[in-house]
Amino acid sequence: MTEKTGSSIQGVERAMTKMLDISTAHIPKHTADALGDATSDKKPELFDAISYVHYHEYGWIIHTSEVEAVRSQHPELAALIELAKRNGAEHLKLDCDAPKIEGLASFEW
């Protein structure tokens, strides 16, 4: 049983993870297509290669454990996963409304 302290629960910090929230503009269209569309009945190309979920209609939340599975065909996605990992994030959120990061490749699609 956890002990409540003030407005937080003791120990909850150990269960929290970091997430890099970044614009979908930092991946090319073929990578977005490979991640799939939340409204499609078709199994996306990357569905079995990496662990992720759709984030609304225009985004994805990707666990940063897998990177090798995407490195050859989706190097921009691999670089973003590695960036997230280097900064202590366990998840990468690609969101059309998230900020663009200066210095990273951007794509219009």
PDB file of N, CA and C in Angstrom:
ATOM      1  N   MET A   1       0.841  -1.170   0.000  1.00  0.00           N
ATOM      2  CA  MET A   1       0.000   0.000   0.000  1.00  0.00           C
ATOM      3  C   MET A   1       0.891   1.239   0.000  1.00  0.00           C
ATOM      4  N   THR A   2       0.526   2.233  -0.781  1.00  0.00           N
ATOM      5  CA  THR A   2       1.306   3.458  -0.825  1.00  0.00           C
ATOM      6  C   THR A   2       0.795   4.443   0.207  1.00  0.00           C
ATOM      7  N   GLU A   3       1.666   5.311   0.624  1.00  0.00           N
ATOM      8  CA  GLU A   3       1.314   6.315   1.624  1.00  0.00           C
ATOM      9  C   GLU A   3       1.125   7.653   0.931  1.00  0.00           C
ATOM     10  N   LYS A   4       0.010   8.304   1.178  1.00  0.00           N
ATOM     11  CA  LYS A   4      -0.267   9.606   0.603  1.00  0.00           C
ATOM     12  C   LYS A   4       0.469  10.677   1.379  1.00  0.00           C
ATOM     13  N   THR A   5       1.135  11.560   0.664  1.00  0.00           N
ATOM     14  CA  THR A   5       1.805  12.682   1.308  1.00  0.00           C
ATOM     15  C   THR A   5       1.354  13.957   0.625  1.00  0.00           C
ATOM     16  N   GLY A   6       0.576  14.744   1.285  1.00  0.00           N
ATOM     17  CA  GLY A   6       0.078  15.978   0.690  1.00  0.00           C
ATOM     18  C   GLY A   6      -0.808  15.663  -0.503  1.00  0.00           C
ATOM     19  N   SER A   7      -0.511  16.312  -1.640  1.00  0.00           N
ATOM     20  CA  SER A   7      -1.330  16.094  -2.829  1.00  0.00           C
ATOM     21  C   SER A   7      -0.734  15.035  -3.758  1.00  0.00           C
ATOM     22  N   SER A   8       0.385  14.428  -3.377  1.00  0.00           N
ATOM     23  CA  SER A   8       0.966  13.387  -4.221  1.00  0.00           C
ATOM     24  C   SER A   8       1.027  12.074  -3.458  1.00  0.00           C
ATOM     25  N   ILE A   9       1.287  11.019  -4.178  1.00  0.00           N
ATOM     26  CA  ILE A   9       1.404   9.691  -3.589  1.00  0.00           C
ATOM     27  C   ILE A   9       2.882   9.337  -3.553  1.00  0.00           C
ATOM     28  N   GLN A  10       3.355   8.952  -2.403  1.00  0.00           N
ATOM     29  CA  GLN A  10       4.759   8.600  -2.239  1.00  0.00           C
ATOM     30  C   GLN A  10       5.117   7.432  -3.155  1.00  0.00           C
ATOM     31  N   GLY A  11       6.219   7.542  -3.880  1.00  0.00           N
ATOM     32  CA  GLY A  11       6.669   6.494  -4.770  1.00  0.00           C
ATOM     33  C   GLY A  11       6.218   6.644  -6.208  1.00  0.00           C
ATOM     34  N   VAL A  12       5.293   7.550  -6.476  1.00  0.00           N
ATOM     35  CA  VAL A  12       4.782   7.706  -7.839  1.00  0.00           C
ATOM     36  C   VAL A  12       5.884   8.190  -8.782  1.00  0.00           C
ATOM     37  N   GLU A  13       6.872   8.909  -8.287  1.00  0.00           N
ATOM     38  CA  GLU A  13       7.964   9.403  -9.135  1.00  0.00           C
ATOM     39  C   GLU A  13       8.704   8.249  -9.819  1.00  0.00           C
ATOM     40  N   ARG A  14       8.836   7.114  -9.128  1.00  0.00           N
ATOM     41  CA  ARG A  14       9.529   5.960  -9.708  1.00  0.00           C
ATOM     42  C   ARG A  14       8.758   5.369 -10.885  1.00  0.00           C
ATOM     43  N   ALA A  15       7.480   5.628 -10.942  1.00  0.00           N
ATOM     44  CA  ALA A  15       6.646   5.069 -12.005  1.00  0.00           C
ATOM     45  C   ALA A  15       6.488   6.025 -13.190  1.00  0.00           C
ATOM     46  N   MET A  16       7.028   7.227 -13.088  1.00  0.00           N
ATOM     47  CA  MET A  16       6.885   8.214 -14.157  1.00  0.00           C
ATOM     48  C   MET A  16       8.011   8.063 -15.177  1.00  0.00           C
ATOM     49  N   THR A  17       7.682   8.349 -16.438  1.00  0.00           N
ATOM     50  CA  THR A  17       8.670   8.307 -17.499  1.00  0.00           C
ATOM     51  C   THR A  17       8.650   9.617 -18.275  1.00  0.00           C
ATOM     52  N   LYS A  18       9.762   9.891 -18.982  1.00  0.00           N
ATOM     53  CA  LYS A  18       9.852  11.088 -19.815  1.00  0.00           C
ATOM     54  C   LYS A  18       9.439  10.759 -21.240  1.00  0.00           C
ATOM     55  N   MET A  19       8.915  11.791 -21.933  1.00  0.00           N
ATOM     56  CA  MET A  19       8.518  11.644 -23.321  1.00  0.00           C
ATOM     57  C   MET A  19       8.999  12.863 -24.102  1.00  0.00           C
ATOM     58  N   LEU A  20       9.621  12.628 -25.254  1.00  0.00           N
ATOM     59  CA  LEU A  20       9.983  13.703 -26.160  1.00  0.00           C
ATOM     60  C   LEU A  20       8.796  13.956 -27.069  1.00  0.00           C
ATOM     61  N   ASP A  21       8.251  15.156 -27.016  1.00  0.00           N
ATOM     62  CA  ASP A  21       7.087  15.553 -27.806  1.00  0.00           C
ATOM     63  C   ASP A  21       7.592  16.416 -28.957  1.00  0.00           C
ATOM     64  N   ILE A  22       7.492  15.903 -30.174  1.00  0.00           N
ATOM     65  CA  ILE A  22       8.101  16.569 -31.322  1.00  0.00           C
ATOM     66  C   ILE A  22       7.171  16.513 -32.528  1.00  0.00           C
ATOM     67  N   SER A  23       7.326  17.460 -33.420  1.00  0.00           N
ATOM     68  CA  SER A  23       6.460  17.573 -34.588  1.00  0.00           C
ATOM     69  C   SER A  23       6.630  16.416 -35.565  1.00  0.00           C
ATOM     70  N   THR A  24       5.522  16.018 -36.174  1.00  0.00           N
ATOM     71  CA  THR A  24       5.560  15.010 -37.233  1.00  0.00           C
ATOM     72  C   THR A  24       6.301  15.541 -38.465  1.00  0.00           C
ATOM     73  N   ALA A  25       6.557  16.834 -38.516  1.00  0.00           N
ATOM     74  CA  ALA A  25       7.308  17.423 -39.626  1.00  0.00           C
ATOM     75  C   ALA A  25       8.740  16.895 -39.681  1.00  0.00           C
ATOM     76  N   HIS A  26       9.200  16.248 -38.601  1.00  0.00           N
ATOM     77  CA  HIS A  26      10.564  15.733 -38.557  1.00  0.00           C
ATOM     78  C   HIS A  26      10.698  14.310 -39.096  1.00  0.00           C
ATOM     79  N   ILE A  27       9.600  13.773 -39.652  1.00  0.00           N
ATOM     80  CA  ILE A  27       9.688  12.475 -40.345  1.00  0.00           C
ATOM     81  C   ILE A  27       9.146  12.662 -41.761  1.00  0.00           C
ATOM     82  N   PRO A  28       9.711  11.930 -42.720  1.00  0.00           N
ATOM     83  CA  PRO A  28       9.197  12.027 -44.092  1.00  0.00           C
ATOM     84  C   PRO A  28       7.863  11.291 -44.248  1.00  0.00           C
ATOM     85  N   LYS A  29       7.172  11.586 -45.308  1.00  0.00           N
ATOM     86  CA  LYS A  29       5.854  11.010 -45.574  1.00  0.00           C
ATOM     87  C   LYS A  29       5.897   9.483 -45.608  1.00  0.00           C
ATOM     88  N   HIS A  30       6.943   8.891 -46.205  1.00  0.00           N
ATOM     89  CA  HIS A  30       6.979   7.417 -46.284  1.00  0.00           C
ATOM     90  C   HIS A  30       7.070   6.793 -44.888  1.00  0.00           C
ATOM     91  N   THR A  31       7.653   7.494 -43.922  1.00  0.00           N
ATOM     92  CA  THR A  31       7.706   6.979 -42.550  1.00  0.00           C
ATOM     93  C   THR A  31       6.335   7.098 -41.894  1.00  0.00           C
ATOM     94  N   ALA A  32       5.660   8.217 -42.111  1.00  0.00           N
ATOM     95  CA  ALA A  32       4.299   8.366 -41.588  1.00  0.00           C
ATOM     96  C   ALA A  32       3.389   7.288 -42.162  1.00  0.00           C
ATOM     97  N   ASP A  33       3.532   7.021 -43.456  1.00  0.00           N
ATOM     98  CA  ASP A  33       2.735   5.965 -44.089  1.00  0.00           C
ATOM     99  C   ASP A  33       3.046   4.599 -43.475  1.00  0.00           C
ATOM    100  N   ALA A  34       4.321   4.358 -43.161  1.00  0.00           N
ATOM    101  CA  ALA A  34       4.732   3.078 -42.581  1.00  0.00           C
ATOM    102  C   ALA A  34       4.206   2.914 -41.150  1.00  0.00           C
ATOM    103  N   LEU A  35       4.021   4.036 -40.442  1.00  0.00           N
ATOM    104  CA  LEU A  35       3.442   3.981 -39.091  1.00  0.00           C
ATOM    105  C   LEU A  35       1.930   3.786 -39.152  1.00  0.00           C
ATOM    106  N   GLY A  36       1.333   4.196 -40.245  1.00  0.00           N
ATOM    107  CA  GLY A  36      -0.088   3.951 -40.460  1.00  0.00           C
ATOM    108  C   GLY A  36      -1.001   5.056 -39.981  1.00  0.00           C
ATOM    109  N   ASP A  37      -2.218   4.920 -40.380  1.00  0.00           N
ATOM    110  CA  ASP A  37      -3.282   5.870 -40.086  1.00  0.00           C
ATOM    111  C   ASP A  37      -4.221   5.228 -39.061  1.00  0.00           C
ATOM    112  N   ALA A  38      -4.593   5.979 -38.050  1.00  0.00           N
ATOM    113  CA  ALA A  38      -5.458   5.457 -36.983  1.00  0.00           C
ATOM    114  C   ALA A  38      -6.814   5.004 -37.503  1.00  0.00           C
ATOM    115  N   THR A  39      -7.244   5.518 -38.633  1.00  0.00           N
ATOM    116  CA  THR A  39      -8.568   5.179 -39.141  1.00  0.00           C
ATOM    117  C   THR A  39      -8.554   4.037 -40.158  1.00  0.00           C
ATOM    118  N   SER A  40      -7.365   3.559 -40.499  1.00  0.00           N
ATOM    119  CA  SER A  40      -7.244   2.517 -41.523  1.00  0.00           C
ATOM    120  C   SER A  40      -7.446   1.122 -40.941  1.00  0.00           C
ATOM    121  N   ASP A  41      -7.998   0.233 -41.751  1.00  0.00           N
ATOM    122  CA  ASP A  41      -8.133  -1.173 -41.369  1.00  0.00           C
ATOM    123  C   ASP A  41      -6.895  -1.974 -41.779  1.00  0.00           C
ATOM    124  N   LYS A  42      -6.022  -1.350 -42.565  1.00  0.00           N
ATOM    125  CA  LYS A  42      -4.822  -2.010 -43.074  1.00  0.00           C
ATOM    126  C   LYS A  42      -3.717  -2.012 -42.007  1.00  0.00           C
ATOM    127  N   LYS A  43      -3.037  -3.147 -41.856  1.00  0.00           N
ATOM    128  CA  LYS A  43      -1.939  -3.268 -40.890  1.00  0.00           C
ATOM    129  C   LYS A  43      -0.748  -2.450 -41.379  1.00  0.00           C
ATOM    130  N   PRO A  44      -0.259  -1.489 -40.585  1.00  0.00           N
ATOM    131  CA  PRO A  44       0.874  -0.654 -41.006  1.00  0.00           C
ATOM    132  C   PRO A  44       2.165  -1.458 -41.137  1.00  0.00           C
ATOM    133  N   GLU A  45       3.041  -1.008 -42.033  1.00  0.00           N
ATOM    134  CA  GLU A  45       4.324  -1.668 -42.289  1.00  0.00           C
ATOM    135  C   GLU A  45       5.155  -1.840 -41.019  1.00  0.00           C
ATOM    136  N   LEU A  46       5.181  -0.831 -40.138  1.00  0.00           N
ATOM    137  CA  LEU A  46       6.024  -0.883 -38.936  1.00  0.00           C
ATOM    138  C   LEU A  46       5.323  -1.485 -37.715  1.00  0.00           C
ATOM    139  N   PHE A  47       4.108  -1.972 -37.880  1.00  0.00           N
ATOM    140  CA  PHE A  47       3.327  -2.463 -36.749  1.00  0.00           C
ATOM    141  C   PHE A  47       4.046  -3.539 -35.934  1.00  0.00           C
ATOM    142  N   ASP A  48       4.702  -4.472 -36.598  1.00  0.00           N
ATOM    143  CA  ASP A  48       5.392  -5.554 -35.896  1.00  0.00           C
ATOM    144  C   ASP A  48       6.864  -5.248 -35.609  1.00  0.00           C
ATOM    145  N   ALA A  49       7.383  -4.161 -36.163  1.00  0.00           N
ATOM    146  CA  ALA A  49       8.802  -3.853 -36.031  1.00  0.00           C
ATOM    147  C   ALA A  49       9.132  -3.065 -34.761  1.00  0.00           C
ATOM    148  N   ILE A  50       8.249  -2.161 -34.382  1.00  0.00           N
ATOM    149  CA  ILE A  50       8.485  -1.328 -33.189  1.00  0.00           C
ATOM    150  C   ILE A  50       7.216  -1.252 -32.357  1.00  0.00           C
ATOM    151  N   SER A  51       7.376  -0.863 -31.104  1.00  0.00           N
ATOM    152  CA  SER A  51       6.239  -0.766 -30.197  1.00  0.00           C
ATOM    153  C   SER A  51       5.716   0.669 -30.199  1.00  0.00           C
ATOM    154  N   TYR A  52       4.488   0.851 -30.675  1.00  0.00           N
ATOM    155  CA  TYR A  52       3.898   2.192 -30.732  1.00  0.00           C
ATOM    156  C   TYR A  52       2.373   2.117 -30.768  1.00  0.00           C
ATOM    157  N   VAL A  53       1.760   3.259 -30.506  1.00  0.00           N
ATOM    158  CA  VAL A  53       0.313   3.403 -30.621  1.00  0.00           C
ATOM    159  C   VAL A  53       0.025   4.687 -31.382  1.00  0.00           C
ATOM    160  N   HIS A  54      -1.136   4.737 -31.979  1.00  0.00           N
ATOM    161  CA  HIS A  54      -1.553   5.968 -32.644  1.00  0.00           C
ATOM    162  C   HIS A  54      -1.939   6.996 -31.583  1.00  0.00           C
ATOM    163  N   TYR A  55      -1.589   8.226 -31.842  1.00  0.00           N
ATOM    164  CA  TYR A  55      -1.967   9.338 -30.972  1.00  0.00           C
ATOM    165  C   TYR A  55      -2.926  10.200 -31.777  1.00  0.00           C
ATOM    166  N   HIS A  56      -4.176  10.072 -31.501  1.00  0.00           N
ATOM    167  CA  HIS A  56      -5.228  10.738 -32.263  1.00  0.00           C
ATOM    168  C   HIS A  56      -5.079  10.393 -33.739  1.00  0.00           C
ATOM    169  N   GLU A  57      -5.544  11.266 -34.590  1.00  0.00           N
ATOM    170  CA  GLU A  57      -5.522  10.971 -36.020  1.00  0.00           C
ATOM    171  C   GLU A  57      -4.161  11.250 -36.659  1.00  0.00           C
ATOM    172  N   TYR A  58      -3.422  12.191 -36.103  1.00  0.00           N
ATOM    173  CA  TYR A  58      -2.193  12.636 -36.767  1.00  0.00           C
ATOM    174  C   TYR A  58      -0.959  12.504 -35.895  1.00  0.00           C
ATOM    175  N   GLY A  59      -0.777  11.395 -35.237  1.00  0.00           N
ATOM    176  CA  GLY A  59       0.417  11.234 -34.431  1.00  0.00           C
ATOM    177  C   GLY A  59       0.596   9.822 -33.906  1.00  0.00           C
ATOM    178  N   TRP A  60       1.752   9.609 -33.271  1.00  0.00           N
ATOM    179  CA  TRP A  60       2.106   8.309 -32.731  1.00  0.00           C
ATOM    180  C   TRP A  60       2.912   8.491 -31.456  1.00  0.00           C
ATOM    181  N   ILE A  61       2.809   7.534 -30.549  1.00  0.00           N
ATOM    182  CA  ILE A  61       3.667   7.463 -29.367  1.00  0.00           C
ATOM    183  C   ILE A  61       4.464   6.175 -29.514  1.00  0.00           C
ATOM    184  N   ILE A  62       5.789   6.320 -29.558  1.00  0.00           N
ATOM    185  CA  ILE A  62       6.693   5.211 -29.858  1.00  0.00           C
ATOM    186  C   ILE A  62       7.576   4.936 -28.654  1.00  0.00           C
ATOM    187  N   HIS A  63       7.661   3.683 -28.264  1.00  0.00           N
ATOM    188  CA  HIS A  63       8.581   3.306 -27.185  1.00  0.00           C
ATOM    189  C   HIS A  63       9.991   3.329 -27.756  1.00  0.00           C
ATOM    190  N   THR A  64      10.936   3.831 -26.983  1.00  0.00           N
ATOM    191  CA  THR A  64      12.290   4.031 -27.501  1.00  0.00           C
ATOM    192  C   THR A  64      13.180   2.793 -27.407  1.00  0.00           C
ATOM    193  N   SER A  65      12.608   1.643 -27.113  1.00  0.00           N
ATOM    194  CA  SER A  65      13.432   0.434 -26.976  1.00  0.00           C
ATOM    195  C   SER A  65      13.949  -0.084 -28.317  1.00  0.00           C
ATOM    196  N   GLU A  66      13.189   0.076 -29.374  1.00  0.00           N
ATOM    197  CA  GLU A  66      13.609  -0.432 -30.678  1.00  0.00           C
ATOM    198  C   GLU A  66      14.091   0.704 -31.566  1.00  0.00           C
ATOM    199  N   VAL A  67      15.239   0.505 -32.169  1.00  0.00           N
ATOM    200  CA  VAL A  67      15.732   1.477 -33.133  1.00  0.00           C
ATOM    201  C   VAL A  67      16.309   0.771 -34.355  1.00  0.00           C
ATOM    202  N   GLU A  68      16.923  -0.374 -34.172  1.00  0.00           N
ATOM    203  CA  GLU A  68      17.560  -1.088 -35.285  1.00  0.00           C
ATOM    204  C   GLU A  68      16.558  -1.495 -36.355  1.00  0.00           C
ATOM    205  N   ALA A  69      15.335  -1.789 -35.970  1.00  0.00           N
ATOM    206  CA  ALA A  69      14.324  -2.241 -36.918  1.00  0.00           C
ATOM    207  C   ALA A  69      13.937  -1.165 -37.929  1.00  0.00           C
ATOM    208  N   VAL A  70      14.237   0.094 -37.627  1.00  0.00           N
ATOM    209  CA  VAL A  70      13.845   1.180 -38.527  1.00  0.00           C
ATOM    210  C   VAL A  70      15.035   1.904 -39.149  1.00  0.00           C
ATOM    211  N   ARG A  71      16.231   1.595 -38.686  1.00  0.00           N
ATOM    212  CA  ARG A  71      17.412   2.370 -39.094  1.00  0.00           C
ATOM    213  C   ARG A  71      17.627   2.423 -40.606  1.00  0.00           C
ATOM    214  N   SER A  72      17.489   1.319 -41.308  1.00  0.00           N
ATOM    215  CA  SER A  72      17.833   1.308 -42.740  1.00  0.00           C
ATOM    216  C   SER A  72      16.799   2.032 -43.607  1.00  0.00           C
ATOM    217  N   GLN A  73      15.517   1.808 -43.365  1.00  0.00           N
ATOM    218  CA  GLN A  73      14.494   2.403 -44.227  1.00  0.00           C
ATOM    219  C   GLN A  73      13.894   3.693 -43.674  1.00  0.00           C
ATOM    220  N   HIS A  74      14.091   3.932 -42.382  1.00  0.00           N
ATOM    221  CA  HIS A  74      13.508   5.122 -41.751  1.00  0.00           C
ATOM    222  C   HIS A  74      14.553   5.773 -40.835  1.00  0.00           C
ATOM    223  N   PRO A  75      15.671   6.236 -41.420  1.00  0.00           N
ATOM    224  CA  PRO A  75      16.760   6.778 -40.602  1.00  0.00           C
ATOM    225  C   PRO A  75      16.375   8.016 -39.795  1.00  0.00           C
ATOM    226  N   GLU A  76      15.454   8.814 -40.305  1.00  0.00           N
ATOM    227  CA  GLU A  76      15.022  10.004 -39.562  1.00  0.00           C
ATOM    228  C   GLU A  76      14.282   9.606 -38.289  1.00  0.00           C
ATOM    229  N   LEU A  77      13.450   8.576 -38.376  1.00  0.00           N
ATOM    230  CA  LEU A  77      12.758   8.071 -37.195  1.00  0.00           C
ATOM    231  C   LEU A  77      13.761   7.465 -36.218  1.00  0.00           C
ATOM    232  N   ALA A  78      14.728   6.711 -36.726  1.00  0.00           N
ATOM    233  CA  ALA A  78      15.762   6.129 -35.861  1.00  0.00           C
ATOM    234  C   ALA A  78      16.521   7.231 -35.128  1.00  0.00           C
ATOM    235  N   ALA A  79      16.839   8.315 -35.831  1.00  0.00           N
ATOM    236  CA  ALA A  79      17.559   9.428 -35.200  1.00  0.00           C
ATOM    237  C   ALA A  79      16.720  10.082 -34.103  1.00  0.00           C
ATOM    238  N   LEU A  80      15.418  10.205 -34.319  1.00  0.00           N
ATOM    239  CA  LEU A  80      14.543  10.797 -33.296  1.00  0.00           C
ATOM    240  C   LEU A  80      14.419   9.881 -32.081  1.00  0.00           C
ATOM    241  N   ILE A  81      14.334   8.588 -32.313  1.00  0.00           N
ATOM    242  CA  ILE A  81      14.285   7.629 -31.200  1.00  0.00           C
ATOM    243  C   ILE A  81      15.575   7.725 -30.387  1.00  0.00           C
ATOM    244  N   GLU A  82      16.707   7.789 -31.083  1.00  0.00           N
ATOM    245  CA  GLU A  82      17.990   7.910 -30.389  1.00  0.00           C
ATOM    246  C   GLU A  82      18.099   9.226 -29.632  1.00  0.00           C
ATOM    247  N   LEU A  83      17.589  10.314 -30.209  1.00  0.00           N
ATOM    248  CA  LEU A  83      17.579  11.615 -29.538  1.00  0.00           C
ATOM    249  C   LEU A  83      16.771  11.531 -28.244  1.00  0.00           C
ATOM    250  N   ALA A  84      15.622  10.904 -28.317  1.00  0.00           N
ATOM    251  CA  ALA A  84      14.781  10.739 -27.129  1.00  0.00           C
ATOM    252  C   ALA A  84      15.523   9.936 -26.060  1.00  0.00           C
ATOM    253  N   LYS A  85      16.136   8.829 -26.470  1.00  0.00           N
ATOM    254  CA  LYS A  85      16.864   7.979 -25.520  1.00  0.00           C
ATOM    255  C   LYS A  85      18.030   8.726 -24.874  1.00  0.00           C
ATOM    256  N   ARG A  86      18.794   9.472 -25.679  1.00  0.00           N
ATOM    257  CA  ARG A  86      19.937  10.228 -25.138  1.00  0.00           C
ATOM    258  C   ARG A  86      19.506  11.255 -24.102  1.00  0.00           C
ATOM    259  N   ASN A  87      18.267  11.698 -24.204  1.00  0.00           N
ATOM    260  CA  ASN A  87      17.751  12.696 -23.275  1.00  0.00           C
ATOM    261  C   ASN A  87      16.887  12.088 -22.178  1.00  0.00           C
ATOM    262  N   GLY A  88      16.991  10.778 -21.995  1.00  0.00           N
ATOM    263  CA  GLY A  88      16.319  10.104 -20.892  1.00  0.00           C
ATOM    264  C   GLY A  88      14.846   9.821 -21.093  1.00  0.00           C
ATOM    265  N   ALA A  89      14.347   9.952 -22.319  1.00  0.00           N
ATOM    266  CA  ALA A  89      12.930   9.700 -22.580  1.00  0.00           C
ATOM    267  C   ALA A  89      12.710   8.242 -22.958  1.00  0.00           C
ATOM    268  N   GLU A  90      11.675   7.661 -22.417  1.00  0.00           N
ATOM    269  CA  GLU A  90      11.306   6.290 -22.768  1.00  0.00           C
ATOM    270  C   GLU A  90      10.313   6.241 -23.919  1.00  0.00           C
ATOM    271  N   HIS A  91       9.750   7.398 -24.261  1.00  0.00           N
ATOM    272  CA  HIS A  91       8.778   7.462 -25.349  1.00  0.00           C
ATOM    273  C   HIS A  91       9.047   8.679 -26.222  1.00  0.00           C
ATOM    274  N   LEU A  92       8.745   8.523 -27.489  1.00  0.00           N
ATOM    275  CA  LEU A  92       8.810   9.598 -28.469  1.00  0.00           C
ATOM    276  C   LEU A  92       7.386   9.823 -28.946  1.00  0.00           C
ATOM    277  N   LYS A  93       6.893  11.042 -28.809  1.00  0.00           N
ATOM    278  CA  LYS A  93       5.549  11.351 -29.308  1.00  0.00           C
ATOM    279  C   LYS A  93       5.690  12.231 -30.540  1.00  0.00           C
ATOM    280  N   LEU A  94       5.216  11.724 -31.655  1.00  0.00           N
ATOM    281  CA  LEU A  94       5.177  12.492 -32.892  1.00  0.00           C
ATOM    282  C   LEU A  94       3.758  13.026 -33.031  1.00  0.00           C
ATOM    283  N   ASP A  95       3.653  14.346 -33.070  1.00  0.00           N
ATOM    284  CA  ASP A  95       2.351  15.008 -33.040  1.00  0.00           C
ATOM    285  C   ASP A  95       2.381  16.176 -34.014  1.00  0.00           C
ATOM    286  N   CYS A  96       1.351  16.306 -34.835  1.00  0.00           N
ATOM    287  CA  CYS A  96       1.321  17.400 -35.817  1.00  0.00           C
ATOM    288  C   CYS A  96       1.288  18.769 -35.149  1.00  0.00           C
ATOM    289  N   ASP A  97       0.849  18.847 -33.917  1.00  0.00           N
ATOM    290  CA  ASP A  97       0.777  20.128 -33.212  1.00  0.00           C
ATOM    291  C   ASP A  97       1.954  20.380 -32.271  1.00  0.00           C
ATOM    292  N   ALA A  98       2.877  19.439 -32.189  1.00  0.00           N
ATOM    293  CA  ALA A  98       4.033  19.577 -31.300  1.00  0.00           C
ATOM    294  C   ALA A  98       5.059  20.531 -31.931  1.00  0.00           C
ATOM    295  N   PRO A  99       5.982  21.015 -31.131  1.00  0.00           N
ATOM    296  CA  PRO A  99       6.965  21.965 -31.653  1.00  0.00           C
ATOM    297  C   PRO A  99       7.969  21.327 -32.611  1.00  0.00           C
ATOM    298  N   LYS A 100       8.401  22.142 -33.574  1.00  0.00           N
ATOM    299  CA  LYS A 100       9.514  21.766 -34.438  1.00  0.00           C
ATOM    300  C   LYS A 100      10.791  22.131 -33.690  1.00  0.00           C
ATOM    301  N   ILE A 101      11.819  21.329 -33.885  1.00  0.00           N
ATOM    302  CA  ILE A 101      13.092  21.549 -33.223  1.00  0.00           C
ATOM    303  C   ILE A 101      14.090  22.067 -34.251  1.00  0.00           C
ATOM    304  N   GLU A 102      14.609  23.251 -34.000  1.00  0.00           N
ATOM    305  CA  GLU A 102      15.593  23.848 -34.899  1.00  0.00           C
ATOM    306  C   GLU A 102      16.826  22.952 -34.978  1.00  0.00           C
ATOM    307  N   GLY A 103      17.331  22.784 -36.181  1.00  0.00           N
ATOM    308  CA  GLY A 103      18.515  21.964 -36.383  1.00  0.00           C
ATOM    309  C   GLY A 103      18.212  20.541 -36.816  1.00  0.00           C
ATOM    310  N   LEU A 104      16.954  20.117 -36.700  1.00  0.00           N
ATOM    311  CA  LEU A 104      16.567  18.781 -37.170  1.00  0.00           C
ATOM    312  C   LEU A 104      15.976  18.883 -38.572  1.00  0.00           C
ATOM    313  N   ALA A 105      16.175  17.843 -39.356  1.00  0.00           N
ATOM    314  CA  ALA A 105      15.587  17.810 -40.686  1.00  0.00           C
ATOM    315  C   ALA A 105      14.071  17.933 -40.588  1.00  0.00           C
ATOM    316  N   SER A 106      13.469  18.668 -41.519  1.00  0.00           N
ATOM    317  CA  SER A 106      12.010  18.818 -41.559  1.00  0.00           C
ATOM    318  C   SER A 106      11.520  18.470 -42.955  1.00  0.00           C
ATOM    319  N   PHE A 107      10.300  17.970 -43.010  1.00  0.00           N
ATOM    320  CA  PHE A 107       9.703  17.525 -44.263  1.00  0.00           C
ATOM    321  C   PHE A 107       8.301  18.099 -44.372  1.00  0.00           C
ATOM    322  N   GLU A 108       7.909  18.456 -45.592  1.00  0.00           N
ATOM    323  CA  GLU A 108       6.538  18.934 -45.836  1.00  0.00           C
ATOM    324  C   GLU A 108       5.804  17.857 -46.603  1.00  0.00           C
ATOM    325  N   TRP A 109       4.690  17.423 -46.045  1.00  0.00           N
ATOM    326  CA  TRP A 109       3.883  16.395 -46.698  1.00  0.00           C
ATOM    327  C   TRP A 109       2.422  16.565 -46.389  1.00  0.00           C
TER     328      TRP A 109
END
